[in-house]
Amino acid sequence: MATFKLTKGQSFQLEKEIQLVHSGLVWDPPEGSEAAFDLDVHCFALVHPRGDANRARLYNDGSHALCYAFVRGPGNREGSLLKNADGSFQTDDGSMWHERDDRTGRGGMGHNEPEEEEEEPGHGGGHHDEGFREEFKIELAKLPAEISELAVWASIHDAERKNQHFGKVRNAYIEVCDAMDSELCRYQLTSEFAGKTTIQVASFIKQTDGSWKFHAVGAASNAGLGDVINAYLQ
């Protein structure tokens, strides 16, 4: 299946029979960079009150928010996400799952690195051999019916202290794959994001017939991740 390459503002309609998708972020750090570029990808399940996408809010106060801030642990016992032994985390109903954190970035194919450990059953693999490291999986058929949107954000951890921004990141893109790991579409993150540390990369938007489309948003800012979460909670 051919890959559809999106530009900002374009959308890709997922076929209705596609009920499981893998998506994630690929990037290369700048050549000669001493400090690692730790990019994180987050996916927030949203509802649209009275059908108004401009008033999007977190579903169930964040029970389906794939973001490290919501992971249960000793310092966050009220967290809504279950952390697995391998460092990945997921929603309690298993509809959304996030791979363990990658803190360096490996970029695309052609990097000579040791083979990854075998993935646990059910995780779906993904493009780990190609550097597809910040990955999440969505079982669309399992999502609560009230969810209207899955907003995908990317951020750079500790960007201010390290003087890092997306303009310094090379070969960054987000990709959507089907259950068989066939790439469906890709959205390249370009130099237009120079000076910015947080991007709403894209959204999966539920259609009236129950299918989903992937929309390239490309809205960048220097807001912190906490600011993004608070905006969805107001």
C-alpha atoms as a PDB file:
ATOM      1  CA  MET A   1       0.000   0.000   0.000  1.00  0.00           C
ATOM      2  CA  ALA A   2       1.381   3.404  -0.976  1.00  0.00           C
ATOM      3  CA  THR A   3       2.142   5.936   1.728  1.00  0.00           C
ATOM      4  CA  PHE A   4       0.228   9.215   1.633  1.00  0.00           C
ATOM      5  CA  LYS A   5       2.487  12.131   2.559  1.00  0.00           C
ATOM      6  CA  LEU A   6       0.580  14.901   4.287  1.00  0.00           C
ATOM      7  CA  THR A   7       1.300  18.593   4.475  1.00  0.00           C
ATOM      8  CA  LYS A   8      -0.034  20.905   7.158  1.00  0.00           C
ATOM      9  CA  GLY A   9      -3.819  21.103   7.016  1.00  0.00           C
ATOM     10  CA  GLN A  10      -4.299  17.936   4.969  1.00  0.00           C
ATOM     11  CA  SER A  11      -6.197  14.856   6.119  1.00  0.00           C
ATOM     12  CA  PHE A  12      -6.044  11.136   5.431  1.00  0.00           C
ATOM     13  CA  GLN A  13      -9.260   9.118   5.667  1.00  0.00           C
ATOM     14  CA  LEU A  14      -8.779   5.724   7.323  1.00  0.00           C
ATOM     15  CA  GLU A  15     -10.831   2.948   5.804  1.00  0.00           C
ATOM     16  CA  LYS A  16     -13.706   2.038   8.094  1.00  0.00           C
ATOM     17  CA  GLU A  17     -12.538  -1.545   8.519  1.00  0.00           C
ATOM     18  CA  ILE A  18      -9.259  -0.314  10.060  1.00  0.00           C
ATOM     19  CA  GLN A  19      -9.863  -0.632  13.779  1.00  0.00           C
ATOM     20  CA  LEU A  20      -6.297  -0.731  15.098  1.00  0.00           C
ATOM     21  CA  VAL A  21      -3.512   1.719  14.287  1.00  0.00           C
ATOM     22  CA  HIS A  22       0.094   2.182  15.291  1.00  0.00           C
ATOM     23  CA  SER A  23       1.469   5.690  15.208  1.00  0.00           C
ATOM     24  CA  GLY A  24       4.623   7.323  16.399  1.00  0.00           C
ATOM     25  CA  LEU A  25       7.481   9.722  16.043  1.00  0.00           C
ATOM     26  CA  VAL A  26      10.805   9.313  14.259  1.00  0.00           C
ATOM     27  CA  TRP A  27      13.669  11.781  14.512  1.00  0.00           C
ATOM     28  CA  ASP A  28      17.419  12.295  14.322  1.00  0.00           C
ATOM     29  CA  PRO A  29      19.294  14.530  16.772  1.00  0.00           C
ATOM     30  CA  PRO A  30      21.518  17.238  15.249  1.00  0.00           C
ATOM     31  CA  GLU A  31      24.940  16.083  14.113  1.00  0.00           C
ATOM     32  CA  GLY A  32      27.539  16.765  16.759  1.00  0.00           C
ATOM     33  CA  SER A  33      24.977  17.415  19.481  1.00  0.00           C
ATOM     34  CA  GLU A  34      26.322  16.605  22.935  1.00  0.00           C
ATOM     35  CA  ALA A  35      22.996  16.660  24.786  1.00  0.00           C
ATOM     36  CA  ALA A  36      20.432  14.024  23.785  1.00  0.00           C
ATOM     37  CA  PHE A  37      17.222  15.261  22.193  1.00  0.00           C
ATOM     38  CA  ASP A  38      14.481  13.556  24.199  1.00  0.00           C
ATOM     39  CA  LEU A  39      11.281  13.905  22.163  1.00  0.00           C
ATOM     40  CA  ASP A  40       8.033  12.652  23.653  1.00  0.00           C
ATOM     41  CA  VAL A  41       4.772  11.890  21.876  1.00  0.00           C
ATOM     42  CA  HIS A  42       1.452  12.157  23.702  1.00  0.00           C
ATOM     43  CA  CYS A  43      -2.069  11.229  22.651  1.00  0.00           C
ATOM     44  CA  PHE A  44      -5.077  12.748  24.425  1.00  0.00           C
ATOM     45  CA  ALA A  45      -8.575  11.293  23.986  1.00  0.00           C
ATOM     46  CA  LEU A  46     -11.036  14.181  23.800  1.00  0.00           C
ATOM     47  CA  VAL A  47     -14.763  14.797  23.792  1.00  0.00           C
ATOM     48  CA  HIS A  48     -16.444  17.647  21.901  1.00  0.00           C
ATOM     49  CA  PRO A  49     -19.141  19.177  24.128  1.00  0.00           C
ATOM     50  CA  ARG A  50     -22.293  19.714  22.052  1.00  0.00           C
ATOM     51  CA  GLY A  51     -20.279  18.749  18.993  1.00  0.00           C
ATOM     52  CA  ASP A  52     -17.969  21.776  19.292  1.00  0.00           C
ATOM     53  CA  ALA A  53     -14.375  20.765  18.490  1.00  0.00           C
ATOM     54  CA  ASN A  54     -13.160  24.179  19.668  1.00  0.00           C
ATOM     55  CA  ARG A  55     -14.221  23.274  23.211  1.00  0.00           C
ATOM     56  CA  ALA A  56     -12.478  19.882  23.238  1.00  0.00           C
ATOM     57  CA  ARG A  57     -11.956  18.441  26.721  1.00  0.00           C
ATOM     58  CA  LEU A  58     -10.173  15.390  28.123  1.00  0.00           C
ATOM     59  CA  TYR A  59     -12.398  12.336  28.195  1.00  0.00           C
ATOM     60  CA  ASN A  60     -13.154  11.215  31.761  1.00  0.00           C
ATOM     61  CA  ASP A  61     -10.579  13.613  33.296  1.00  0.00           C
ATOM     62  CA  GLY A  62      -7.738  11.897  31.467  1.00  0.00           C
ATOM     63  CA  SER A  63      -8.473   8.183  31.809  1.00  0.00           C
ATOM     64  CA  HIS A  64      -7.492   7.892  28.129  1.00  0.00           C
ATOM     65  CA  ALA A  65      -4.584  10.328  27.981  1.00  0.00           C
ATOM     66  CA  LEU A  66      -1.367   8.652  26.825  1.00  0.00           C
ATOM     67  CA  CYS A  67       1.008  10.969  28.626  1.00  0.00           C
ATOM     68  CA  TYR A  68       3.612  10.296  31.304  1.00  0.00           C
ATOM     69  CA  ALA A  69       1.858  12.707  33.677  1.00  0.00           C
ATOM     70  CA  PHE A  70      -1.053  10.242  33.962  1.00  0.00           C
ATOM     71  CA  VAL A  71       0.955   7.078  34.704  1.00  0.00           C
ATOM     72  CA  ARG A  72       0.273   5.478  38.081  1.00  0.00           C
ATOM     73  CA  GLY A  73       3.277   5.107  40.345  1.00  0.00           C
ATOM     74  CA  PRO A  74       4.606   5.800  43.862  1.00  0.00           C
ATOM     75  CA  GLY A  75       4.530   9.546  43.224  1.00  0.00           C
ATOM     76  CA  ASN A  76       1.210   9.508  41.372  1.00  0.00           C
ATOM     77  CA  ARG A  77      -1.097   6.957  42.968  1.00  0.00           C
ATOM     78  CA  GLU A  78      -4.153   8.580  41.401  1.00  0.00           C
ATOM     79  CA  GLY A  79      -2.762   8.208  37.894  1.00  0.00           C
ATOM     80  CA  SER A  80      -5.149   6.709  35.343  1.00  0.00           C
ATOM     81  CA  LEU A  81      -2.654   4.667  33.279  1.00  0.00           C
ATOM     82  CA  LEU A  82      -1.155   1.290  34.076  1.00  0.00           C
ATOM     83  CA  LYS A  83       2.641   1.040  33.827  1.00  0.00           C
ATOM     84  CA  ASN A  84       3.959  -2.281  32.538  1.00  0.00           C
ATOM     85  CA  ALA A  85       7.135  -4.043  33.622  1.00  0.00           C
ATOM     86  CA  ASP A  86       8.916  -3.124  30.358  1.00  0.00           C
ATOM     87  CA  GLY A  87       8.298   0.608  30.883  1.00  0.00           C
ATOM     88  CA  SER A  88       5.368   0.881  28.480  1.00  0.00           C
ATOM     89  CA  PHE A  89       2.006   2.068  29.767  1.00  0.00           C
ATOM     90  CA  GLN A  90      -1.636   1.717  28.780  1.00  0.00           C
ATOM     91  CA  THR A  91      -5.228   2.538  29.619  1.00  0.00           C
ATOM     92  CA  ASP A  92      -6.982   0.164  31.991  1.00  0.00           C
ATOM     93  CA  ASP A  93      -9.317  -1.024  29.218  1.00  0.00           C
ATOM     94  CA  GLY A  94      -6.378  -1.733  26.866  1.00  0.00           C
ATOM     95  CA  SER A  95      -7.669   0.535  24.101  1.00  0.00           C
ATOM     96  CA  MET A  96      -4.587   2.794  24.128  1.00  0.00           C
ATOM     97  CA  TRP A  97      -0.968   1.763  24.717  1.00  0.00           C
ATOM     98  CA  HIS A  98       2.358   3.639  24.662  1.00  0.00           C
ATOM     99  CA  GLU A  99       5.808   2.131  24.095  1.00  0.00           C
ATOM    100  CA  ARG A 100       8.522   2.710  26.690  1.00  0.00           C
ATOM    101  CA  ASP A 101      10.266   6.070  26.487  1.00  0.00           C
ATOM    102  CA  ASP A 102      13.092   6.637  24.024  1.00  0.00           C
ATOM    103  CA  ARG A 103      15.371   9.427  25.192  1.00  0.00           C
ATOM    104  CA  THR A 104      17.764   9.836  22.277  1.00  0.00           C
ATOM    105  CA  GLY A 105      16.082   9.331  18.899  1.00  0.00           C
ATOM    106  CA  ARG A 106      17.531   7.070  16.239  1.00  0.00           C
ATOM    107  CA  GLY A 107      15.978   8.416  13.059  1.00  0.00           C
ATOM    108  CA  GLY A 108      15.174   6.377  10.002  1.00  0.00           C
ATOM    109  CA  MET A 109      16.565   3.256   8.391  1.00  0.00           C
ATOM    110  CA  GLY A 110      20.243   2.627   8.017  1.00  0.00           C
ATOM    111  CA  HIS A 111      21.361   3.069  11.615  1.00  0.00           C
ATOM    112  CA  ASN A 112      23.589   0.255  12.722  1.00  0.00           C
ATOM    113  CA  GLU A 113      22.474  -0.599  16.231  1.00  0.00           C
ATOM    114  CA  PRO A 114      22.056  -3.814  18.210  1.00  0.00           C
ATOM    115  CA  GLU A 115      18.847  -5.729  17.644  1.00  0.00           C
ATOM    116  CA  GLU A 116      15.993  -4.896  19.991  1.00  0.00           C
ATOM    117  CA  GLU A 117      14.741  -7.378  22.517  1.00  0.00           C
ATOM    118  CA  GLU A 118      11.692  -9.325  21.387  1.00  0.00           C
ATOM    119  CA  GLU A 119       8.470  -7.428  22.026  1.00  0.00           C
ATOM    120  CA  GLU A 120       5.878  -8.833  24.387  1.00  0.00           C
ATOM    121  CA  PRO A 121       2.870 -10.467  22.721  1.00  0.00           C
ATOM    122  CA  GLY A 122       0.067  -8.074  21.871  1.00  0.00           C
ATOM    123  CA  HIS A 123       2.193  -4.972  21.557  1.00  0.00           C
ATOM    124  CA  GLY A 124       2.182  -5.122  17.782  1.00  0.00           C
ATOM    125  CA  GLY A 125       5.895  -4.450  17.241  1.00  0.00           C
ATOM    126  CA  GLY A 126       5.936  -1.270  15.205  1.00  0.00           C
ATOM    127  CA  HIS A 127       8.905   0.080  13.266  1.00  0.00           C
ATOM    128  CA  HIS A 128      11.466  -0.457  16.018  1.00  0.00           C
ATOM    129  CA  ASP A 129      14.062  -1.640  13.506  1.00  0.00           C
ATOM    130  CA  GLU A 130      13.671   1.674  11.668  1.00  0.00           C
ATOM    131  CA  GLY A 131      13.947   3.913  14.714  1.00  0.00           C
ATOM    132  CA  PHE A 132      10.192   4.200  15.264  1.00  0.00           C
ATOM    133  CA  ARG A 133      10.713   4.576  18.980  1.00  0.00           C
ATOM    134  CA  GLU A 134       8.121   6.945  20.414  1.00  0.00           C
ATOM    135  CA  GLU A 135       5.170   4.787  19.477  1.00  0.00           C
ATOM    136  CA  PHE A 136       1.588   4.351  20.573  1.00  0.00           C
ATOM    137  CA  LYS A 137      -1.158   1.917  19.604  1.00  0.00           C
ATOM    138  CA  ILE A 138      -4.878   2.632  19.446  1.00  0.00           C
ATOM    139  CA  GLU A 139      -7.552  -0.043  19.229  1.00  0.00           C
ATOM    140  CA  LEU A 140     -10.218   2.190  17.733  1.00  0.00           C
ATOM    141  CA  ALA A 141     -12.939  -0.419  18.202  1.00  0.00           C
ATOM    142  CA  LYS A 142     -12.301  -0.504  21.967  1.00  0.00           C
ATOM    143  CA  LEU A 143     -12.439   3.248  22.563  1.00  0.00           C
ATOM    144  CA  PRO A 144     -15.384   4.549  24.602  1.00  0.00           C
ATOM    145  CA  ALA A 145     -18.098   5.736  22.239  1.00  0.00           C
ATOM    146  CA  GLU A 146     -18.044   9.283  23.649  1.00  0.00           C
ATOM    147  CA  ILE A 147     -14.530   9.967  22.368  1.00  0.00           C
ATOM    148  CA  SER A 148     -14.537  12.223  19.291  1.00  0.00           C
ATOM    149  CA  GLU A 149     -10.849  13.050  18.845  1.00  0.00           C
ATOM    150  CA  LEU A 150      -7.369  11.749  19.624  1.00  0.00           C
ATOM    151  CA  ALA A 151      -5.034  14.742  19.739  1.00  0.00           C
ATOM    152  CA  VAL A 152      -1.377  13.895  19.104  1.00  0.00           C
ATOM    153  CA  TRP A 153       1.253  16.193  20.615  1.00  0.00           C
ATOM    154  CA  ALA A 154       5.051  16.162  20.548  1.00  0.00           C
ATOM    155  CA  SER A 155       7.317  17.887  23.046  1.00  0.00           C
ATOM    156  CA  ILE A 156      11.008  18.089  23.903  1.00  0.00           C
ATOM    157  CA  HIS A 157      11.799  17.099  27.458  1.00  0.00           C
ATOM    158  CA  ASP A 158      13.822  19.695  29.389  1.00  0.00           C
ATOM    159  CA  ALA A 159      14.050  21.835  26.238  1.00  0.00           C
ATOM    160  CA  GLU A 160      14.589  25.183  27.952  1.00  0.00           C
ATOM    161  CA  ARG A 161      17.512  24.024  30.090  1.00  0.00           C
ATOM    162  CA  LYS A 162      19.178  22.327  27.114  1.00  0.00           C
ATOM    163  CA  ASN A 163      18.427  25.222  24.724  1.00  0.00           C
ATOM    164  CA  GLN A 164      16.679  22.837  22.340  1.00  0.00           C
ATOM    165  CA  HIS A 165      13.790  23.333  19.930  1.00  0.00           C
ATOM    166  CA  PHE A 166      12.218  21.535  16.971  1.00  0.00           C
ATOM    167  CA  GLY A 167      14.177  23.615  14.485  1.00  0.00           C
ATOM    168  CA  LYS A 168      17.293  21.722  15.563  1.00  0.00           C
ATOM    169  CA  VAL A 169      15.757  18.270  15.153  1.00  0.00           C
ATOM    170  CA  ARG A 170      16.471  16.474  11.863  1.00  0.00           C
ATOM    171  CA  ASN A 171      14.292  14.112   9.833  1.00  0.00           C
ATOM    172  CA  ALA A 172      11.350  14.264  12.235  1.00  0.00           C
ATOM    173  CA  TYR A 173       7.985  12.878  11.156  1.00  0.00           C
ATOM    174  CA  ILE A 174       4.933  11.139  12.535  1.00  0.00           C
ATOM    175  CA  GLU A 175       3.637   8.019  10.855  1.00  0.00           C
ATOM    176  CA  VAL A 176       0.399   6.016  10.945  1.00  0.00           C
ATOM    177  CA  CYS A 177       0.411   2.268  10.295  1.00  0.00           C
ATOM    178  CA  ASP A 178      -2.338  -0.344  10.195  1.00  0.00           C
ATOM    179  CA  ALA A 179      -2.501  -3.538  12.244  1.00  0.00           C
ATOM    180  CA  MET A 180      -0.188  -5.298   9.767  1.00  0.00           C
ATOM    181  CA  ASP A 181       2.400  -2.507  10.189  1.00  0.00           C
ATOM    182  CA  SER A 182       1.819  -1.198   6.651  1.00  0.00           C
ATOM    183  CA  GLU A 183       2.475   2.540   6.587  1.00  0.00           C
ATOM    184  CA  LEU A 184      -0.666   4.487   5.652  1.00  0.00           C
ATOM    185  CA  CYS A 185       0.380   8.110   5.913  1.00  0.00           C
ATOM    186  CA  ARG A 186       3.182  10.335   7.148  1.00  0.00           C
ATOM    187  CA  TYR A 187       3.474  13.965   8.198  1.00  0.00           C
ATOM    188  CA  GLN A 188       6.938  15.525   8.088  1.00  0.00           C
ATOM    189  CA  LEU A 189       7.824  18.062  10.794  1.00  0.00           C
ATOM    190  CA  THR A 190       9.712  20.786   8.956  1.00  0.00           C
ATOM    191  CA  SER A 191      11.837  23.807   9.807  1.00  0.00           C
ATOM    192  CA  GLU A 192       8.716  25.955  10.256  1.00  0.00           C
ATOM    193  CA  PHE A 193       8.796  24.820  13.900  1.00  0.00           C
ATOM    194  CA  ALA A 194      12.145  26.480  14.636  1.00  0.00           C
ATOM    195  CA  GLY A 195      12.213  28.015  18.095  1.00  0.00           C
ATOM    196  CA  LYS A 196       9.202  25.946  19.255  1.00  0.00           C
ATOM    197  CA  THR A 197       9.268  23.208  21.889  1.00  0.00           C
ATOM    198  CA  THR A 198       5.705  21.847  21.756  1.00  0.00           C
ATOM    199  CA  ILE A 199       3.619  20.881  18.719  1.00  0.00           C
ATOM    200  CA  GLN A 200       0.076  19.662  18.278  1.00  0.00           C
ATOM    201  CA  VAL A 201       1.190  17.432  15.459  1.00  0.00           C
ATOM    202  CA  ALA A 202      -2.108  15.928  14.369  1.00  0.00           C
ATOM    203  CA  SER A 203      -5.494  14.574  15.416  1.00  0.00           C
ATOM    204  CA  PHE A 204      -7.457  11.434  14.703  1.00  0.00           C
ATOM    205  CA  ILE A 205     -11.027  12.699  14.257  1.00  0.00           C
ATOM    206  CA  LYS A 206     -14.062  10.432  14.469  1.00  0.00           C
ATOM    207  CA  GLN A 207     -16.510  10.693  11.568  1.00  0.00           C
ATOM    208  CA  THR A 208     -20.284  10.380  11.692  1.00  0.00           C
ATOM    209  CA  ASP A 209     -20.148   6.881  10.172  1.00  0.00           C
ATOM    210  CA  GLY A 210     -17.751   5.677  12.895  1.00  0.00           C
ATOM    211  CA  SER A 211     -14.622   5.821  10.744  1.00  0.00           C
ATOM    212  CA  TRP A 212     -11.628   8.037  11.547  1.00  0.00           C
ATOM    213  CA  LYS A 213      -9.484  10.505   9.650  1.00  0.00           C
ATOM    214  CA  PHE A 214      -5.947  11.609  10.477  1.00  0.00           C
ATOM    215  CA  HIS A 215      -5.548  15.383  10.210  1.00  0.00           C
ATOM    216  CA  ALA A 216      -2.140  17.119  10.104  1.00  0.00           C
ATOM    217  CA  VAL A 217      -2.475  20.099  12.481  1.00  0.00           C
ATOM    218  CA  GLY A 218       1.070  21.475  12.836  1.00  0.00           C
ATOM    219  CA  ALA A 219       0.323  24.046  15.562  1.00  0.00           C
ATOM    220  CA  ALA A 220       3.518  24.876  17.465  1.00  0.00           C
ATOM    221  CA  SER A 221       4.174  26.916  20.599  1.00  0.00           C
ATOM    222  CA  ASN A 222       6.430  27.134  23.632  1.00  0.00           C
ATOM    223  CA  ALA A 223       3.694  26.149  26.073  1.00  0.00           C
ATOM    224  CA  GLY A 224       4.643  23.524  28.604  1.00  0.00           C
ATOM    225  CA  LEU A 225       2.980  20.135  28.633  1.00  0.00           C
ATOM    226  CA  GLY A 226       1.221  21.080  31.858  1.00  0.00           C
ATOM    227  CA  ASP A 227      -0.305  24.078  30.080  1.00  0.00           C
ATOM    228  CA  VAL A 228      -1.611  21.804  27.318  1.00  0.00           C
ATOM    229  CA  ILE A 229      -3.205  19.451  29.832  1.00  0.00           C
ATOM    230  CA  ASN A 230      -4.756  22.303  31.846  1.00  0.00           C
ATOM    231  CA  ALA A 231      -6.256  23.801  28.678  1.00  0.00           C
ATOM    232  CA  TYR A 232      -8.032  20.494  28.026  1.00  0.00           C
ATOM    233  CA  LEU A 233      -9.307  20.344  31.612  1.00  0.00           C
ATOM    234  CA  GLN A 234     -10.819  23.852  31.775  1.00  0.00           C
END
